[in-house]
Amino acid sequence: MNKTAAKPRQPFYKGLFFQILMSIVLGIVVGYLWPSFGIALKPLGDGFIKLIKMIISPLVFVVVVLGIAKVGNIKTVGRIGGKALLYFEIVTTIALIIGMLVANVMNPGSGMHVNPDLLSTDAVTKVTKNSELPHGTEFFMNIIPDSVVSAFATNTMLQVLLVSCLFGFALVRVGGKTSDVIIDLLEHLSHVIFQIMGFIMKLTTIATFGAMAFTVSQYGMQTLIAFGKLFLAMTVACLLFLLVLEVVMRVFVGIGLWKAIMLVREEIVFSFATGSTEAVMPQIMRKLERAGCHRSVVGLVVPTGYSFNLDGASIYLSLALVFLAQATGVELSIYEQIVLLAVLLLTSKGMAGIPGSAFVALSATAASTGSIPIAAVALMLAPDRIMGNFRTTINIIGYTVATFVVARWEGLLNKDQALLAMQGKPHDSSGMPVTIQAND
């Protein structure tokens, strides 16, 4: 029997994870010592994120259509989507509760004695661009694009997902030679798209350096000190939530959370530095496929999760609102906090694709309570960029865990391949995700 020679492990300093970490350190140093130069580096991070967004829509379309076509059963696809949404609702509710509990225990806003009458909402309005959260039927109507082209042109994820699902369903129904030809074409197209992604990813370390240098230059160490208690509370809340995800992974997947985190560690570190989750969506989808998650699960769960599985954002919203109440001297009763939690269950689900979504959700929820001054939301402008680093980090881990859970739930996870991927082993010579056979 022939044995394949083991590929020698490359030196740690050549790994992307190490290079990103070094870019973050260098960016912090440059931003702190030469703030004007650090601010000038902003286009490095922004340009990279735009390059990634450029390729997201066609990538999601190809992955979702091929996933549905390979499953070949519309009912199975619908069941995957339904289980994903159920999981999202349960987990984000837990995240909201954790954020609220930590805020009540640690009291990060106590002693600030902020007078909301002295705060201006102009800065918040500028960030949110007068956007509002969609209500009722408006939310569902926004999922339907004006045209197929506009869904891709505006990069609206739920619209792209709708078009992709319809195309995939139609492909299954048509079947035969026509379907085979289109599937073969999309398979080749996916290779091209992933190759483009490979080109863009070569700029990751440069983009990380620019984004981190800008962040430190823009907000400085003063913000870290002034809102130290808030950042500490957010850290504790995130760690508690990770313990919940650890239990979820152990119980439903049979794999520890740390192994899943190591699988996407480069994406976690990069999203932390840039404050963007969209910038790592293609890489995460690619890695999850390599890790034995069926393409149909990856194609449905990850893009949908970007709209409905905002675990980090949920922690942030509940924590921030209680913090604002404490900072402005508003005493929230247990009943009022339960009502606040109920409102957050709604407002936290409609944030995707809205400019300044965190502030829109904060303002809308504060207004609904009638006790937290809307002007107090302006307090979150200073720490928001750093809080955004927490949000994106937890969101990325949340997408990863959700995909593994739903894939295992549906019997579409190859656990052996997942374990190998977490050790950095499975890939083919082209770098494309390997074909997997699901097992129980």
Protein backbone atom coordinates (compact mmCIF):
# COMPACT_ATOMS: atom_id res chain seq x y z
CA MET A 1 0.00 0.00 0.00
CA ASN A 2 1.37 3.42 -0.98
CA LYS A 3 1.61 6.00 1.71
CA THR A 4 1.45 9.70 1.00
CA ALA A 5 4.38 11.55 2.46
CA ALA A 6 3.34 13.95 5.20
CA LYS A 7 3.58 17.56 4.18
CA PRO A 8 6.20 19.33 6.34
CA ARG A 9 4.72 21.88 8.70
CA GLN A 10 5.67 25.43 7.71
CA PRO A 11 7.41 27.70 10.25
CA PHE A 12 4.95 29.52 12.52
CA TYR A 13 6.09 32.93 11.28
CA LYS A 14 4.90 32.07 7.77
CA GLY A 15 1.38 31.31 8.96
CA LEU A 16 -1.40 33.81 8.29
CA PHE A 17 -2.49 33.81 11.94
CA PHE A 18 0.95 34.93 13.15
CA GLN A 19 1.25 37.53 10.40
CA ILE A 20 -2.15 39.03 11.25
CA LEU A 21 -1.20 39.22 14.95
CA MET A 22 2.03 41.00 14.06
CA SER A 23 0.09 43.39 11.81
CA ILE A 24 -2.19 44.24 14.73
CA VAL A 25 0.76 44.90 17.04
CA LEU A 26 2.51 47.04 14.43
CA GLY A 27 -0.73 48.91 13.72
CA ILE A 28 -1.19 49.69 17.43
CA VAL A 29 2.38 50.98 17.68
CA VAL A 30 2.07 53.18 14.59
CA GLY A 31 -1.36 54.47 15.59
CA TYR A 32 -0.15 55.37 19.07
CA LEU A 33 3.17 56.97 18.11
CA TRP A 34 2.16 58.62 14.84
CA PRO A 35 -1.61 59.22 14.97
CA SER A 36 -1.78 61.45 11.89
CA PHE A 37 -0.02 58.78 9.82
CA GLY A 38 -2.30 56.12 11.31
CA ILE A 39 -5.41 58.00 10.22
CA ALA A 40 -3.95 58.28 6.70
CA LEU A 41 -3.76 54.47 6.57
CA LYS A 42 -7.55 54.07 6.76
CA PRO A 43 -7.92 53.32 2.99
CA LEU A 44 -5.86 50.14 3.41
CA GLY A 45 -8.53 48.49 5.54
CA ASP A 46 -11.49 50.06 3.74
CA GLY A 47 -10.17 49.05 0.33
CA PHE A 48 -9.70 45.44 1.38
CA ILE A 49 -13.24 45.24 2.78
CA LYS A 50 -14.62 46.65 -0.47
CA LEU A 51 -12.73 44.02 -2.44
CA ILE A 52 -14.24 41.27 -0.30
CA LYS A 53 -17.76 42.71 -0.57
CA MET A 54 -17.30 42.80 -4.32
CA ILE A 55 -17.13 39.02 -4.44
CA ILE A 56 -19.61 38.08 -1.67
CA SER A 57 -22.82 38.09 -3.72
CA PRO A 58 -21.62 35.84 -6.55
CA LEU A 59 -19.96 33.56 -4.00
CA VAL A 60 -23.15 33.16 -1.96
CA PHE A 61 -25.16 32.57 -5.14
CA VAL A 62 -22.85 29.80 -6.35
CA VAL A 63 -22.56 28.08 -2.95
CA VAL A 64 -26.31 28.17 -2.23
CA VAL A 65 -27.38 27.02 -5.71
CA LEU A 66 -24.86 24.17 -5.78
CA GLY A 67 -25.79 23.20 -2.22
CA ILE A 68 -29.49 22.95 -3.08
CA ALA A 69 -28.77 21.15 -6.33
CA LYS A 70 -26.55 18.58 -4.60
CA VAL A 71 -29.19 17.90 -1.93
CA GLY A 72 -31.83 17.57 -4.64
CA ASN A 73 -34.69 17.79 -2.16
CA ILE A 74 -36.55 21.06 -1.61
CA LYS A 75 -38.12 19.82 1.63
CA THR A 76 -34.69 19.07 3.08
CA VAL A 77 -33.49 22.57 2.24
CA GLY A 78 -36.58 24.06 3.89
CA ARG A 79 -35.98 21.97 6.98
CA ILE A 80 -32.37 23.19 7.18
CA GLY A 81 -33.54 26.81 6.98
CA GLY A 82 -36.22 26.26 9.62
CA LYS A 83 -33.82 24.62 12.06
CA ALA A 84 -31.29 27.39 11.49
CA LEU A 85 -33.84 30.10 12.31
CA LEU A 86 -34.97 28.21 15.44
CA TYR A 87 -31.36 27.91 16.60
CA PHE A 88 -30.71 31.62 15.90
CA GLU A 89 -33.72 32.69 17.97
CA ILE A 90 -32.77 30.58 20.98
CA VAL A 91 -29.08 31.50 21.02
CA THR A 92 -29.53 35.25 20.44
CA THR A 93 -32.09 35.33 23.26
CA ILE A 94 -29.50 33.75 25.57
CA ALA A 95 -26.98 36.38 24.40
CA LEU A 96 -29.41 39.20 25.23
CA ILE A 97 -30.04 37.78 28.70
CA ILE A 98 -26.32 37.41 29.42
CA GLY A 99 -25.62 40.99 28.40
CA MET A 100 -28.38 42.28 30.65
CA LEU A 101 -27.34 40.16 33.64
CA VAL A 102 -23.70 41.23 33.41
CA ALA A 103 -24.71 44.89 33.20
CA ASN A 104 -26.81 44.55 36.34
CA VAL A 105 -24.09 42.75 38.28
CA MET A 106 -21.09 44.86 37.22
CA ASN A 107 -22.88 48.26 36.95
CA PRO A 108 -20.49 49.72 34.33
CA GLY A 109 -22.44 52.99 34.08
CA SER A 110 -22.81 53.70 37.79
CA GLY A 111 -21.18 56.89 39.03
CA MET A 112 -21.07 58.62 35.63
CA HIS A 113 -23.98 60.99 36.43
CA VAL A 114 -24.49 62.06 32.82
CA ASN A 115 -27.06 64.77 32.13
CA PRO A 116 -28.80 63.72 28.87
CA ASP A 117 -29.99 67.31 28.34
CA LEU A 118 -26.38 68.25 27.59
CA LEU A 119 -26.03 65.58 24.91
CA SER A 120 -26.76 66.16 21.24
CA THR A 121 -28.33 63.59 18.95
CA ASP A 122 -26.83 65.19 15.82
CA ALA A 123 -23.80 62.88 15.81
CA VAL A 124 -26.02 59.80 16.15
CA THR A 125 -28.23 61.03 13.31
CA LYS A 126 -25.14 61.45 11.14
CA VAL A 127 -24.08 57.84 11.81
CA THR A 128 -27.52 56.34 11.29
CA LYS A 129 -28.33 58.58 8.30
CA ASN A 130 -31.89 58.87 9.63
CA SER A 131 -32.42 55.13 9.08
CA GLU A 132 -35.18 53.28 10.87
CA LEU A 133 -35.69 49.63 11.65
CA PRO A 134 -38.21 47.99 9.29
CA HIS A 135 -41.52 47.06 10.88
CA GLY A 136 -43.82 44.10 10.21
CA THR A 137 -44.45 43.48 6.54
CA GLU A 138 -41.85 46.10 5.59
CA PHE A 139 -39.09 43.76 6.75
CA PHE A 140 -40.33 40.91 4.57
CA MET A 141 -40.98 43.18 1.60
CA ASN A 142 -37.37 44.38 1.81
CA ILE A 143 -36.22 40.80 1.25
CA ILE A 144 -37.76 40.90 -2.24
CA PRO A 145 -35.45 42.82 -4.63
CA ASP A 146 -36.73 45.24 -7.25
CA SER A 147 -34.90 43.07 -9.76
CA VAL A 148 -32.48 40.17 -9.76
CA VAL A 149 -29.72 42.55 -10.79
CA SER A 150 -30.43 45.02 -7.98
CA ALA A 151 -30.04 42.29 -5.34
CA PHE A 152 -26.46 41.72 -6.47
CA ALA A 153 -25.77 45.39 -7.20
CA THR A 154 -26.72 46.50 -3.69
CA ASN A 155 -25.11 43.43 -2.06
CA THR A 156 -28.23 42.93 0.09
CA MET A 157 -27.62 39.52 1.60
CA LEU A 158 -31.19 38.36 2.23
CA GLN A 159 -32.18 39.39 -1.29
CA VAL A 160 -29.24 37.52 -2.80
CA LEU A 161 -30.17 34.51 -0.65
CA LEU A 162 -33.78 34.62 -1.91
CA VAL A 163 -32.69 34.76 -5.57
CA SER A 164 -30.19 31.95 -4.98
CA CYS A 165 -32.78 29.69 -3.31
CA LEU A 166 -35.32 30.24 -6.08
CA PHE A 167 -32.69 29.48 -8.72
CA GLY A 168 -31.60 26.35 -6.86
CA PHE A 169 -35.18 25.13 -6.42
CA ALA A 170 -35.88 25.70 -10.13
CA LEU A 171 -32.71 23.81 -11.04
CA VAL A 172 -33.86 20.82 -8.98
CA ARG A 173 -37.28 20.86 -10.63
CA VAL A 174 -35.89 21.16 -14.18
CA GLY A 175 -33.44 18.29 -13.68
CA GLY A 176 -32.03 16.30 -16.56
CA LYS A 177 -29.28 17.40 -18.91
CA THR A 178 -30.11 21.09 -18.59
CA SER A 179 -29.59 20.95 -14.85
CA ASP A 180 -26.36 18.99 -15.21
CA VAL A 181 -24.91 21.54 -17.64
CA ILE A 182 -25.70 24.47 -15.36
CA ILE A 183 -24.36 22.69 -12.27
CA ASP A 184 -21.14 21.88 -14.12
CA LEU A 185 -20.84 25.53 -15.19
CA LEU A 186 -21.38 26.75 -11.61
CA GLU A 187 -18.79 24.27 -10.31
CA HIS A 188 -16.21 25.77 -12.67
CA LEU A 189 -17.34 29.28 -11.76
CA SER A 190 -16.86 28.51 -8.06
CA HIS A 191 -13.23 27.58 -8.77
CA VAL A 192 -12.71 30.95 -10.44
CA ILE A 193 -14.38 32.85 -7.58
CA PHE A 194 -12.27 31.08 -4.97
CA GLN A 195 -9.17 31.88 -7.03
CA ILE A 196 -10.12 35.56 -6.97
CA MET A 197 -10.53 35.23 -3.22
CA GLY A 198 -7.01 33.85 -3.08
CA PHE A 199 -5.69 36.96 -4.81
CA ILE A 200 -7.53 39.26 -2.40
CA MET A 201 -6.44 37.33 0.69
CA LYS A 202 -2.80 38.09 -0.07
CA LEU A 203 -3.58 41.63 1.11
CA THR A 204 -4.92 40.53 4.51
CA THR A 205 -1.90 41.53 6.62
CA ILE A 206 -1.61 44.95 4.94
CA ALA A 207 -5.32 45.59 5.48
CA THR A 208 -5.09 44.52 9.14
CA PHE A 209 -2.17 46.85 9.75
CA GLY A 210 -3.99 49.83 8.20
CA ALA A 211 -7.28 49.16 10.01
CA MET A 212 -5.63 48.79 13.42
CA ALA A 213 -3.41 51.85 12.98
CA PHE A 214 -6.47 53.93 12.09
CA THR A 215 -8.51 52.62 15.04
CA VAL A 216 -5.84 53.47 17.60
CA SER A 217 -5.16 56.87 15.96
CA GLN A 218 -8.83 57.77 15.81
CA TYR A 219 -9.86 56.79 19.33
CA GLY A 220 -6.60 56.62 21.28
CA MET A 221 -5.98 55.20 24.72
CA GLN A 222 -8.17 57.82 26.41
CA THR A 223 -11.29 55.99 25.26
CA LEU A 224 -10.02 52.74 26.69
CA ILE A 225 -9.50 54.38 30.07
CA ALA A 226 -12.74 56.41 30.15
CA PHE A 227 -14.93 53.42 29.30
CA GLY A 228 -12.79 50.79 31.02
CA LYS A 229 -15.65 49.39 33.12
CA LEU A 230 -17.88 49.07 30.05
CA PHE A 231 -15.20 47.20 28.11
CA LEU A 232 -14.56 44.94 31.08
CA ALA A 233 -18.27 44.17 31.38
CA MET A 234 -18.45 43.39 27.65
CA THR A 235 -15.44 41.09 28.00
CA VAL A 236 -17.06 39.18 30.88
CA ALA A 237 -20.36 38.88 28.99
CA CYS A 238 -18.60 37.56 25.89
CA LEU A 239 -16.66 34.99 27.92
CA LEU A 240 -19.86 33.78 29.60
CA PHE A 241 -21.53 33.46 26.23
CA LEU A 242 -18.58 31.44 24.92
CA LEU A 243 -19.13 29.04 27.81
CA VAL A 244 -22.69 28.58 26.56
CA LEU A 245 -21.39 27.87 23.04
CA GLU A 246 -18.91 25.39 24.51
CA VAL A 247 -21.81 23.45 26.02
CA VAL A 248 -23.75 23.65 22.74
CA MET A 249 -20.78 22.32 20.74
CA ARG A 250 -20.11 19.51 23.20
CA VAL A 251 -23.74 18.40 23.43
CA PHE A 252 -24.90 18.76 19.81
CA VAL A 253 -21.69 18.27 17.83
CA GLY A 254 -19.41 16.34 20.16
CA ILE A 255 -16.47 18.68 19.51
CA GLY A 256 -15.04 21.31 21.84
CA LEU A 257 -15.51 24.98 21.06
CA TRP A 258 -11.77 25.67 21.17
CA LYS A 259 -11.20 23.40 18.17
CA ALA A 260 -13.86 25.28 16.20
CA ILE A 261 -12.27 28.59 17.19
CA MET A 262 -8.87 27.37 16.01
CA LEU A 263 -10.42 26.46 12.67
CA VAL A 264 -11.39 30.09 12.02
CA ARG A 265 -8.77 31.82 14.15
CA GLU A 266 -7.42 33.94 11.28
CA GLU A 267 -10.91 35.19 10.46
CA ILE A 268 -11.61 35.94 14.14
CA VAL A 269 -8.43 37.98 14.55
CA PHE A 270 -8.94 39.81 11.26
CA SER A 271 -12.58 40.69 12.01
CA PHE A 272 -11.50 41.90 15.46
CA ALA A 273 -8.94 44.24 13.88
CA THR A 274 -11.21 45.59 11.14
CA GLY A 275 -14.56 45.49 12.92
CA SER A 276 -16.08 43.81 9.85
CA THR A 277 -17.72 40.40 9.66
CA GLU A 278 -18.57 40.63 5.96
CA ALA A 279 -14.85 40.77 5.14
CA VAL A 280 -14.40 37.18 6.33
CA MET A 281 -17.63 35.58 5.09
CA PRO A 282 -16.09 33.93 2.01
CA GLN A 283 -13.20 32.46 3.98
CA ILE A 284 -15.51 31.12 6.69
CA MET A 285 -17.81 29.47 4.15
CA ARG A 286 -14.81 27.89 2.47
CA LYS A 287 -13.36 26.56 5.73
CA LEU A 288 -16.67 25.16 6.93
CA GLU A 289 -17.07 23.21 3.70
CA ARG A 290 -13.56 21.83 4.15
CA ALA A 291 -14.51 20.93 7.71
CA GLY A 292 -17.15 18.48 6.59
CA CYS A 293 -20.25 20.70 6.66
CA HIS A 294 -22.41 20.02 3.61
CA ARG A 295 -22.47 22.85 1.08
CA SER A 296 -26.25 23.26 1.42
CA VAL A 297 -25.92 23.88 5.17
CA VAL A 298 -23.03 26.31 4.77
CA GLY A 299 -24.80 28.18 1.97
CA LEU A 300 -27.99 28.64 3.97
CA VAL A 301 -26.79 29.03 7.56
CA VAL A 302 -23.88 31.44 7.15
CA PRO A 303 -25.55 34.12 4.95
CA THR A 304 -28.78 33.89 6.95
CA GLY A 305 -26.80 34.11 10.17
CA TYR A 306 -25.35 37.43 9.05
CA SER A 307 -28.88 38.81 9.39
CA PHE A 308 -30.40 36.76 12.20
CA ASN A 309 -27.58 35.22 14.26
CA LEU A 310 -25.95 38.38 15.61
CA ASP A 311 -24.82 36.98 18.95
CA GLY A 312 -22.20 39.65 19.64
CA ALA A 313 -24.58 42.43 18.64
CA SER A 314 -27.25 40.99 20.96
CA ILE A 315 -24.87 41.03 23.93
CA TYR A 316 -23.88 44.58 23.05
CA LEU A 317 -27.44 45.90 22.77
CA SER A 318 -28.71 44.63 26.11
CA LEU A 319 -25.49 45.57 27.91
CA ALA A 320 -25.35 49.04 26.33
CA LEU A 321 -28.97 49.91 27.13
CA VAL A 322 -28.63 49.02 30.81
CA PHE A 323 -25.30 50.90 30.83
CA LEU A 324 -27.02 54.01 29.39
CA ALA A 325 -29.74 53.80 32.03
CA GLN A 326 -27.12 53.58 34.79
CA ALA A 327 -25.03 56.41 33.31
CA THR A 328 -28.03 58.76 33.18
CA GLY A 329 -29.36 57.80 36.61
CA VAL A 330 -32.43 55.90 35.35
CA GLU A 331 -33.54 53.10 37.66
CA LEU A 332 -34.94 50.18 35.66
CA SER A 333 -37.22 47.84 37.56
CA ILE A 334 -37.21 44.09 36.89
CA TYR A 335 -40.47 44.47 34.99
CA GLU A 336 -39.03 47.25 32.83
CA GLN A 337 -35.98 45.14 32.04
CA ILE A 338 -38.17 42.22 31.02
CA VAL A 339 -40.07 44.54 28.69
CA LEU A 340 -36.72 45.85 27.42
CA LEU A 341 -35.64 42.27 26.69
CA ALA A 342 -38.87 41.58 24.81
CA VAL A 343 -38.37 44.68 22.65
CA LEU A 344 -34.75 43.70 21.96
CA LEU A 345 -35.92 40.31 20.68
CA LEU A 346 -37.54 42.24 17.85
CA THR A 347 -35.18 45.16 17.26
CA SER A 348 -32.07 42.97 17.27
CA LYS A 349 -33.37 40.96 14.30
CA GLY A 350 -33.87 43.82 11.87
CA MET A 351 -30.42 45.40 11.90
CA ALA A 352 -28.81 43.77 8.87
CA GLY A 353 -27.90 46.13 6.05
CA ILE A 354 -28.98 49.30 7.87
CA PRO A 355 -26.46 52.17 8.15
CA GLY A 356 -25.40 52.59 11.79
CA SER A 357 -27.53 49.56 12.67
CA ALA A 358 -26.33 49.34 16.28
CA PHE A 359 -27.31 52.95 16.95
CA VAL A 360 -30.61 52.57 15.11
CA ALA A 361 -31.47 49.56 17.28
CA LEU A 362 -30.31 51.34 20.45
CA SER A 363 -32.36 54.45 19.64
CA ALA A 364 -35.46 52.46 18.69
CA THR A 365 -35.30 50.35 21.86
CA ALA A 366 -34.59 53.33 24.12
CA ALA A 367 -37.55 55.19 22.60
CA SER A 368 -39.85 52.22 23.20
CA THR A 369 -39.02 52.14 26.92
CA GLY A 370 -39.97 55.75 27.49
CA SER A 371 -37.50 55.95 30.38
CA ILE A 372 -34.03 55.83 28.78
CA PRO A 373 -33.32 59.20 27.09
CA ILE A 374 -32.71 58.78 23.35
CA ALA A 375 -30.00 61.45 23.56
CA ALA A 376 -28.04 59.11 25.86
CA VAL A 377 -27.29 56.92 22.84
CA ALA A 378 -24.70 59.56 21.88
CA LEU A 379 -22.60 58.28 24.81
CA MET A 380 -21.91 55.10 22.83
CA LEU A 381 -20.28 56.94 19.92
CA ALA A 382 -16.86 57.06 21.56
CA PRO A 383 -16.54 53.40 22.63
CA ASP A 384 -18.55 51.95 19.72
CA ARG A 385 -15.60 51.18 17.46
CA ILE A 386 -13.91 49.16 20.18
CA MET A 387 -17.19 47.56 21.23
CA GLY A 388 -17.58 46.66 17.56
CA ASN A 389 -14.44 44.54 17.84
CA PHE A 390 -16.17 42.49 20.53
CA ARG A 391 -19.35 42.21 18.45
CA THR A 392 -17.63 40.95 15.32
CA THR A 393 -15.52 38.43 17.22
CA ILE A 394 -18.51 36.79 18.89
CA ASN A 395 -20.56 36.99 15.69
CA ILE A 396 -17.89 35.06 13.75
CA ILE A 397 -17.70 32.34 16.39
CA GLY A 398 -21.51 32.24 16.45
CA TYR A 399 -21.76 31.66 12.68
CA THR A 400 -19.25 28.83 12.94
CA VAL A 401 -20.99 27.07 15.82
CA ALA A 402 -24.42 27.48 14.19
CA THR A 403 -23.22 25.83 10.99
CA PHE A 404 -21.75 22.84 12.83
CA VAL A 405 -24.87 22.42 14.97
CA VAL A 406 -27.34 22.57 12.06
CA ALA A 407 -25.15 20.30 9.91
CA ARG A 408 -24.96 17.73 12.71
CA TRP A 409 -28.68 18.16 13.39
CA GLU A 410 -29.43 17.27 9.76
CA GLY A 411 -26.88 14.44 9.53
CA LEU A 412 -24.91 16.50 6.99
CA LEU A 413 -21.68 16.76 8.96
CA ASN A 414 -18.65 14.54 8.45
CA LYS A 415 -17.27 14.66 11.98
CA ASP A 416 -14.02 12.90 11.11
CA GLN A 417 -13.34 15.44 8.39
CA ALA A 418 -14.21 18.27 10.78
CA LEU A 419 -11.63 17.06 13.28
CA LEU A 420 -9.01 16.78 10.55
CA ALA A 421 -9.79 20.29 9.32
CA MET A 422 -9.40 21.65 12.82
CA GLN A 423 -5.89 20.24 12.73
CA GLY A 424 -5.30 21.99 9.41
CA LYS A 425 -5.14 18.84 7.27
CA PRO A 426 -7.86 18.41 4.60
CA HIS A 427 -7.54 20.25 1.29
CA ASP A 428 -6.85 19.40 -2.30
CA SER A 429 -4.10 20.73 -4.50
CA SER A 430 -6.22 23.59 -5.85
CA GLY A 431 -7.20 24.80 -2.41
CA MET A 432 -10.87 24.09 -3.09
CA PRO A 433 -13.13 22.54 -0.46
CA VAL A 434 -12.99 18.77 -0.63
CA THR A 435 -16.12 16.75 -1.42
CA ILE A 436 -17.57 15.21 1.70
CA GLN A 437 -19.93 12.42 2.58
CA ALA A 438 -22.03 13.16 5.63
CA ASN A 439 -22.16 10.72 8.50
CA ASP A 440 -23.91 10.53 11.83
